[in-house]
PDB file of N, CA and C in Angstrom:
ATOM      1  N   MET A   1     -15.145 -12.587  -8.927  1.00  0.00           N
ATOM      2  CA  MET A   1     -14.377 -11.387  -9.242  1.00  0.00           C
ATOM      3  C   MET A   1     -13.144 -11.808 -10.047  1.00  0.00           C
ATOM      4  N   ASN A   2     -12.892 -11.126 -11.152  1.00  0.00           N
ATOM      5  CA  ASN A   2     -11.734 -11.487 -11.965  1.00  0.00           C
ATOM      6  C   ASN A   2     -10.527 -10.607 -11.631  1.00  0.00           C
ATOM      7  N   LEU A   3      -9.383 -10.947 -12.189  1.00  0.00           N
ATOM      8  CA  LEU A   3      -8.139 -10.251 -11.884  1.00  0.00           C
ATOM      9  C   LEU A   3      -8.197  -8.773 -12.255  1.00  0.00           C
ATOM     10  N   ASN A   4      -8.784  -8.442 -13.404  1.00  0.00           N
ATOM     11  CA  ASN A   4      -8.857  -7.034 -13.819  1.00  0.00           C
ATOM     12  C   ASN A   4      -9.624  -6.187 -12.826  1.00  0.00           C
ATOM     13  N   SER A   5     -10.717  -6.693 -12.290  1.00  0.00           N
ATOM     14  CA  SER A   5     -11.483  -5.902 -11.334  1.00  0.00           C
ATOM     15  C   SER A   5     -10.705  -5.747 -10.024  1.00  0.00           C
ATOM     16  N   LEU A   6      -9.917  -6.755  -9.663  1.00  0.00           N
ATOM     17  CA  LEU A   6      -9.083  -6.630  -8.457  1.00  0.00           C
ATOM     18  C   LEU A   6      -8.014  -5.564  -8.632  1.00  0.00           C
ATOM     19  N   LEU A   7      -7.427  -5.502  -9.808  1.00  0.00           N
ATOM     20  CA  LEU A   7      -6.345  -4.555 -10.049  1.00  0.00           C
ATOM     21  C   LEU A   7      -6.832  -3.124 -10.175  1.00  0.00           C
ATOM     22  N   THR A   8      -8.088  -2.914 -10.525  1.00  0.00           N
ATOM     23  CA  THR A   8      -8.577  -1.561 -10.719  1.00  0.00           C
ATOM     24  C   THR A   8      -9.490  -1.086  -9.593  1.00  0.00           C
ATOM     25  N   ASP A   9      -9.730  -1.901  -8.595  1.00  0.00           N
ATOM     26  CA  ASP A   9     -10.616  -1.543  -7.500  1.00  0.00           C
ATOM     27  C   ASP A   9      -9.882  -0.625  -6.526  1.00  0.00           C
ATOM     28  N   SER A  10     -10.226   0.674  -6.527  1.00  0.00           N
ATOM     29  CA  SER A  10      -9.520   1.654  -5.712  1.00  0.00           C
ATOM     30  C   SER A  10      -9.749   1.457  -4.216  1.00  0.00           C
ATOM     31  N   LYS A  11     -10.777   0.731  -3.824  1.00  0.00           N
ATOM     32  CA  LYS A  11     -11.060   0.487  -2.406  1.00  0.00           C
ATOM     33  C   LYS A  11     -10.366  -0.775  -1.891  1.00  0.00           C
ATOM     34  N   ARG A  12      -9.660  -1.451  -2.738  1.00  0.00           N
ATOM     35  CA  ARG A  12      -8.993  -2.696  -2.351  1.00  0.00           C
ATOM     36  C   ARG A  12      -7.926  -2.412  -1.307  1.00  0.00           C
ATOM     37  N   ILE A  13      -7.795  -3.302  -0.354  1.00  0.00           N
ATOM     38  CA  ILE A  13      -6.769  -3.197   0.672  1.00  0.00           C
ATOM     39  C   ILE A  13      -5.616  -4.133   0.305  1.00  0.00           C
ATOM     40  N   LEU A  14      -4.415  -3.589   0.339  1.00  0.00           N
ATOM     41  CA  LEU A  14      -3.221  -4.362   0.021  1.00  0.00           C
ATOM     42  C   LEU A  14      -2.513  -4.761   1.299  1.00  0.00           C
ATOM     43  N   ARG A  15      -2.045  -5.966   1.347  1.00  0.00           N
ATOM     44  CA  ARG A  15      -1.203  -6.398   2.453  1.00  0.00           C
ATOM     45  C   ARG A  15       0.246  -6.069   2.106  1.00  0.00           C
ATOM     46  N   LEU A  16       1.138  -6.202   3.063  1.00  0.00           N
ATOM     47  CA  LEU A  16       2.529  -5.790   2.895  1.00  0.00           C
ATOM     48  C   LEU A  16       3.190  -6.438   1.678  1.00  0.00           C
ATOM     49  N   LYS A  17       2.984  -7.721   1.477  1.00  0.00           N
ATOM     50  CA  LYS A  17       3.621  -8.392   0.329  1.00  0.00           C
ATOM     51  C   LYS A  17       3.158  -7.784  -1.000  1.00  0.00           C
ATOM     52  N   ASP A  18       1.867  -7.401  -1.083  1.00  0.00           N
ATOM     53  CA  ASP A  18       1.357  -6.755  -2.293  1.00  0.00           C
ATOM     54  C   ASP A  18       2.008  -5.384  -2.486  1.00  0.00           C
ATOM     55  N   VAL A  19       2.155  -4.643  -1.400  1.00  0.00           N
ATOM     56  CA  VAL A  19       2.795  -3.322  -1.460  1.00  0.00           C
ATOM     57  C   VAL A  19       4.239  -3.465  -1.909  1.00  0.00           C
ATOM     58  N   GLN A  20       4.936  -4.448  -1.372  1.00  0.00           N
ATOM     59  CA  GLN A  20       6.317  -4.690  -1.769  1.00  0.00           C
ATOM     60  C   GLN A  20       6.415  -5.048  -3.247  1.00  0.00           C
ATOM     61  N   THR A  21       5.508  -5.865  -3.730  1.00  0.00           N
ATOM     62  CA  THR A  21       5.507  -6.252  -5.140  1.00  0.00           C
ATOM     63  C   THR A  21       5.268  -5.045  -6.037  1.00  0.00           C
ATOM     64  N   LEU A  22       4.302  -4.221  -5.679  1.00  0.00           N
ATOM     65  CA  LEU A  22       3.977  -3.050  -6.506  1.00  0.00           C
ATOM     66  C   LEU A  22       5.070  -1.992  -6.494  1.00  0.00           C
ATOM     67  N   THR A  23       5.688  -1.773  -5.337  1.00  0.00           N
ATOM     68  CA  THR A  23       6.650  -0.675  -5.205  1.00  0.00           C
ATOM     69  C   THR A  23       8.094  -1.087  -5.399  1.00  0.00           C
ATOM     70  N   GLY A  24       8.399  -2.356  -5.159  1.00  0.00           N
ATOM     71  CA  GLY A  24       9.786  -2.803  -5.215  1.00  0.00           C
ATOM     72  C   GLY A  24      10.554  -2.468  -3.943  1.00  0.00           C
ATOM     73  N   LEU A  25       9.851  -1.987  -2.911  1.00  0.00           N
ATOM     74  CA  LEU A  25      10.492  -1.610  -1.661  1.00  0.00           C
ATOM     75  C   LEU A  25      10.541  -2.795  -0.698  1.00  0.00           C
ATOM     76  N   SER A  26      11.532  -2.774   0.178  1.00  0.00           N
ATOM     77  CA  SER A  26      11.608  -3.787   1.227  1.00  0.00           C
ATOM     78  C   SER A  26      10.632  -3.437   2.343  1.00  0.00           C
ATOM     79  N   ARG A  27      10.392  -4.397   3.206  1.00  0.00           N
ATOM     80  CA  ARG A  27       9.512  -4.180   4.367  1.00  0.00           C
ATOM     81  C   ARG A  27      10.029  -3.019   5.207  1.00  0.00           C
ATOM     82  N   THR A  28      11.336  -3.028   5.472  1.00  0.00           N
ATOM     83  CA  THR A  28      11.932  -1.978   6.294  1.00  0.00           C
ATOM     84  C   THR A  28      11.755  -0.608   5.663  1.00  0.00           C
ATOM     85  N   MET A  29      11.952  -0.516   4.359  1.00  0.00           N
ATOM     86  CA  MET A  29      11.844   0.769   3.676  1.00  0.00           C
ATOM     87  C   MET A  29      10.405   1.277   3.682  1.00  0.00           C
ATOM     88  N   VAL A  30       9.438   0.396   3.513  1.00  0.00           N
ATOM     89  CA  VAL A  30       8.033   0.797   3.560  1.00  0.00           C
ATOM     90  C   VAL A  30       7.733   1.451   4.903  1.00  0.00           C
ATOM     91  N   TYR A  31       8.120   0.770   5.991  1.00  0.00           N
ATOM     92  CA  TYR A  31       7.833   1.302   7.323  1.00  0.00           C
ATOM     93  C   TYR A  31       8.673   2.543   7.634  1.00  0.00           C
ATOM     94  N   ASP A  32       9.889   2.589   7.126  1.00  0.00           N
ATOM     95  CA  ASP A  32      10.754   3.756   7.309  1.00  0.00           C
ATOM     96  C   ASP A  32      10.139   4.990   6.643  1.00  0.00           C
ATOM     97  N   LEU A  33       9.752   4.847   5.387  1.00  0.00           N
ATOM     98  CA  LEU A  33       9.134   5.964   4.665  1.00  0.00           C
ATOM     99  C   LEU A  33       7.808   6.366   5.302  1.00  0.00           C
ATOM    100  N   GLN A  34       7.054   5.385   5.754  1.00  0.00           N
ATOM    101  CA  GLN A  34       5.774   5.664   6.400  1.00  0.00           C
ATOM    102  C   GLN A  34       5.991   6.483   7.671  1.00  0.00           C
ATOM    103  N   SER A  35       6.998   6.132   8.455  1.00  0.00           N
ATOM    104  CA  SER A  35       7.253   6.856   9.704  1.00  0.00           C
ATOM    105  C   SER A  35       7.710   8.289   9.447  1.00  0.00           C
ATOM    106  N   LYS A  36       8.316   8.540   8.282  1.00  0.00           N
ATOM    107  CA  LYS A  36       8.754   9.889   7.902  1.00  0.00           C
ATOM    108  C   LYS A  36       7.641  10.678   7.218  1.00  0.00           C
ATOM    109  N   GLY A  37       6.490  10.034   7.001  1.00  0.00           N
ATOM    110  CA  GLY A  37       5.390  10.696   6.310  1.00  0.00           C
ATOM    111  C   GLY A  37       5.565  10.762   4.808  1.00  0.00           C
ATOM    112  N   GLU A  38       6.434   9.915   4.271  1.00  0.00           N
ATOM    113  CA  GLU A  38       6.735   9.916   2.838  1.00  0.00           C
ATOM    114  C   GLU A  38       6.072   8.764   2.095  1.00  0.00           C
ATOM    115  N   PHE A  39       5.276   7.986   2.801  1.00  0.00           N
ATOM    116  CA  PHE A  39       4.560   6.861   2.207  1.00  0.00           C
ATOM    117  C   PHE A  39       3.192   6.799   2.865  1.00  0.00           C
ATOM    118  N   PRO A  40       2.170   6.347   2.147  1.00  0.00           N
ATOM    119  CA  PRO A  40       0.828   6.289   2.734  1.00  0.00           C
ATOM    120  C   PRO A  40       0.801   5.507   4.045  1.00  0.00           C
ATOM    121  N   GLN A  41      -0.014   5.965   4.961  1.00  0.00           N
ATOM    122  CA  GLN A  41      -0.166   5.294   6.251  1.00  0.00           C
ATOM    123  C   GLN A  41      -0.985   4.020   6.092  1.00  0.00           C
ATOM    124  N   SER A  42      -0.578   3.008   6.803  1.00  0.00           N
ATOM    125  CA  SER A  42      -1.340   1.760   6.815  1.00  0.00           C
ATOM    126  C   SER A  42      -2.575   1.949   7.691  1.00  0.00           C
ATOM    127  N   ILE A  43      -3.537   1.085   7.470  1.00  0.00           N
ATOM    128  CA  ILE A  43      -4.751   1.124   8.277  1.00  0.00           C
ATOM    129  C   ILE A  43      -4.897  -0.208   9.006  1.00  0.00           C
ATOM    130  N   LYS A  44      -5.435  -0.134  10.192  1.00  0.00           N
ATOM    131  CA  LYS A  44      -5.655  -1.338  10.987  1.00  0.00           C
ATOM    132  C   LYS A  44      -6.881  -2.049  10.441  1.00  0.00           C
ATOM    133  N   LEU A  45      -6.743  -3.335  10.144  1.00  0.00           N
ATOM    134  CA  LEU A  45      -7.831  -4.092   9.533  1.00  0.00           C
ATOM    135  C   LEU A  45      -8.773  -4.718  10.554  1.00  0.00           C
ATOM    136  N   VAL A  46      -8.256  -5.020  11.725  1.00  0.00           N
ATOM    137  CA  VAL A  46      -9.054  -5.642  12.773  1.00  0.00           C
ATOM    138  C   VAL A  46      -8.831  -4.862  14.058  1.00  0.00           C
ATOM    139  N   GLN A  47      -9.907  -4.474  14.696  1.00  0.00           N
ATOM    140  CA  GLN A  47      -9.825  -3.655  15.902  1.00  0.00           C
ATOM    141  C   GLN A  47      -8.907  -4.248  16.964  1.00  0.00           C
ATOM    142  N   SER A  48      -9.049  -5.529  17.227  1.00  0.00           N
ATOM    143  CA  SER A  48      -8.288  -6.145  18.311  1.00  0.00           C
ATOM    144  C   SER A  48      -7.076  -6.938  17.826  1.00  0.00           C
ATOM    145  N   GLY A  49      -6.712  -6.798  16.551  1.00  0.00           N
ATOM    146  CA  GLY A  49      -5.608  -7.571  16.002  1.00  0.00           C
ATOM    147  C   GLY A  49      -4.474  -6.693  15.528  1.00  0.00           C
ATOM    148  N   ARG A  50      -3.503  -7.332  14.902  1.00  0.00           N
ATOM    149  CA  ARG A  50      -2.340  -6.600  14.393  1.00  0.00           C
ATOM    150  C   ARG A  50      -2.350  -6.473  12.875  1.00  0.00           C
ATOM    151  N   ALA A  51      -3.338  -7.019  12.206  1.00  0.00           N
ATOM    152  CA  ALA A  51      -3.383  -7.005  10.739  1.00  0.00           C
ATOM    153  C   ALA A  51      -3.478  -5.576  10.222  1.00  0.00           C
ATOM    154  N   MET A  52      -2.583  -5.249   9.303  1.00  0.00           N
ATOM    155  CA  MET A  52      -2.535  -3.917   8.710  1.00  0.00           C
ATOM    156  C   MET A  52      -2.608  -4.037   7.187  1.00  0.00           C
ATOM    157  N   GLY A  53      -3.014  -2.970   6.546  1.00  0.00           N
ATOM    158  CA  GLY A  53      -3.059  -2.947   5.096  1.00  0.00           C
ATOM    159  C   GLY A  53      -2.997  -1.521   4.599  1.00  0.00           C
ATOM    160  N   TRP A  54      -2.850  -1.372   3.312  1.00  0.00           N
ATOM    161  CA  TRP A  54      -2.794  -0.058   2.673  1.00  0.00           C
ATOM    162  C   TRP A  54      -3.871  -0.003   1.612  1.00  0.00           C
ATOM    163  N   GLN A  55      -4.463   1.154   1.452  1.00  0.00           N
ATOM    164  CA  GLN A  55      -5.476   1.313   0.420  1.00  0.00           C
ATOM    165  C   GLN A  55      -4.782   1.362  -0.943  1.00  0.00           C
ATOM    166  N   TYR A  56      -5.273   0.563  -1.848  1.00  0.00           N
ATOM    167  CA  TYR A  56      -4.686   0.429  -3.192  1.00  0.00           C
ATOM    168  C   TYR A  56      -4.478   1.786  -3.855  1.00  0.00           C
ATOM    169  N   SER A  57      -5.501   2.629  -3.836  1.00  0.00           N
ATOM    170  CA  SER A  57      -5.410   3.918  -4.526  1.00  0.00           C
ATOM    171  C   SER A  57      -4.325   4.801  -3.924  1.00  0.00           C
ATOM    172  N   ASP A  58      -4.107   4.736  -2.613  1.00  0.00           N
ATOM    173  CA  ASP A  58      -3.047   5.522  -1.975  1.00  0.00           C
ATOM    174  C   ASP A  58      -1.667   5.074  -2.450  1.00  0.00           C
ATOM    175  N   VAL A  59      -1.487   3.764  -2.558  1.00  0.00           N
ATOM    176  CA  VAL A  59      -0.194   3.231  -3.002  1.00  0.00           C
ATOM    177  C   VAL A  59       0.045   3.585  -4.469  1.00  0.00           C
ATOM    178  N   ILE A  60      -0.973   3.463  -5.295  1.00  0.00           N
ATOM    179  CA  ILE A  60      -0.842   3.814  -6.716  1.00  0.00           C
ATOM    180  C   ILE A  60      -0.541   5.299  -6.879  1.00  0.00           C
ATOM    181  N   ASP A  61      -1.206   6.143  -6.098  1.00  0.00           N
ATOM    182  CA  ASP A  61      -0.923   7.585  -6.146  1.00  0.00           C
ATOM    183  C   ASP A  61       0.520   7.866  -5.747  1.00  0.00           C
ATOM    184  N   TRP A  62       1.022   7.150  -4.744  1.00  0.00           N
ATOM    185  CA  TRP A  62       2.406   7.330  -4.320  1.00  0.00           C
ATOM    186  C   TRP A  62       3.359   6.916  -5.438  1.00  0.00           C
ATOM    187  N   ILE A  63       3.078   5.797  -6.093  1.00  0.00           N
ATOM    188  CA  ILE A  63       3.914   5.345  -7.221  1.00  0.00           C
ATOM    189  C   ILE A  63       3.891   6.389  -8.331  1.00  0.00           C
ATOM    190  N   ASP A  64       2.717   6.908  -8.658  1.00  0.00           N
ATOM    191  CA  ASP A  64       2.613   7.945  -9.691  1.00  0.00           C
ATOM    192  C   ASP A  64       3.422   9.175  -9.329  1.00  0.00           C
ATOM    193  N   SER A  65       3.426   9.559  -8.059  1.00  0.00           N
ATOM    194  CA  SER A  65       4.188  10.734  -7.629  1.00  0.00           C
ATOM    195  C   SER A  65       5.694  10.484  -7.764  1.00  0.00           C
ATOM    196  N   ARG A  66       6.128   9.250  -7.586  1.00  0.00           N
ATOM    197  CA  ARG A  66       7.542   8.911  -7.743  1.00  0.00           C
ATOM    198  C   ARG A  66       7.945   8.972  -9.201  1.00  0.00           C
ATOM    199  N   VAL A  67       7.050   8.541 -10.083  1.00  0.00           N
ATOM    200  CA  VAL A  67       7.349   8.554 -11.515  1.00  0.00           C
ATOM    201  C   VAL A  67       7.485   9.994 -12.012  1.00  0.00           C
ATOM    202  N   GLN A  68       6.666  10.883 -11.483  1.00  0.00           N
ATOM    203  CA  GLN A  68       6.683  12.277 -11.905  1.00  0.00           C
ATOM    204  C   GLN A  68       7.857  13.054 -11.288  1.00  0.00           C
ATOM    205  N   ALA A  69       8.425  12.554 -10.196  1.00  0.00           N
ATOM    206  CA  ALA A  69       9.516  13.274  -9.501  1.00  0.00           C
ATOM    207  C   ALA A  69      10.804  13.235 -10.265  1.00  0.00           C
TER     208      ALA A  69
END
């Protein structure tokens, strides 16, 4: 898989560092906005673990909504 397909794959799951890179938000701000319902909800990646991620398309849609605001 090449970089272009990774960047355009809407089903891709982003980890927190990727979300921070794309949005420019801090960890605290991501979770703060998420708790207020102003940022996409993370999804649990492993049933019995703590690993969380965000769907790429949800984060991109959120960024697009910020640009239009």
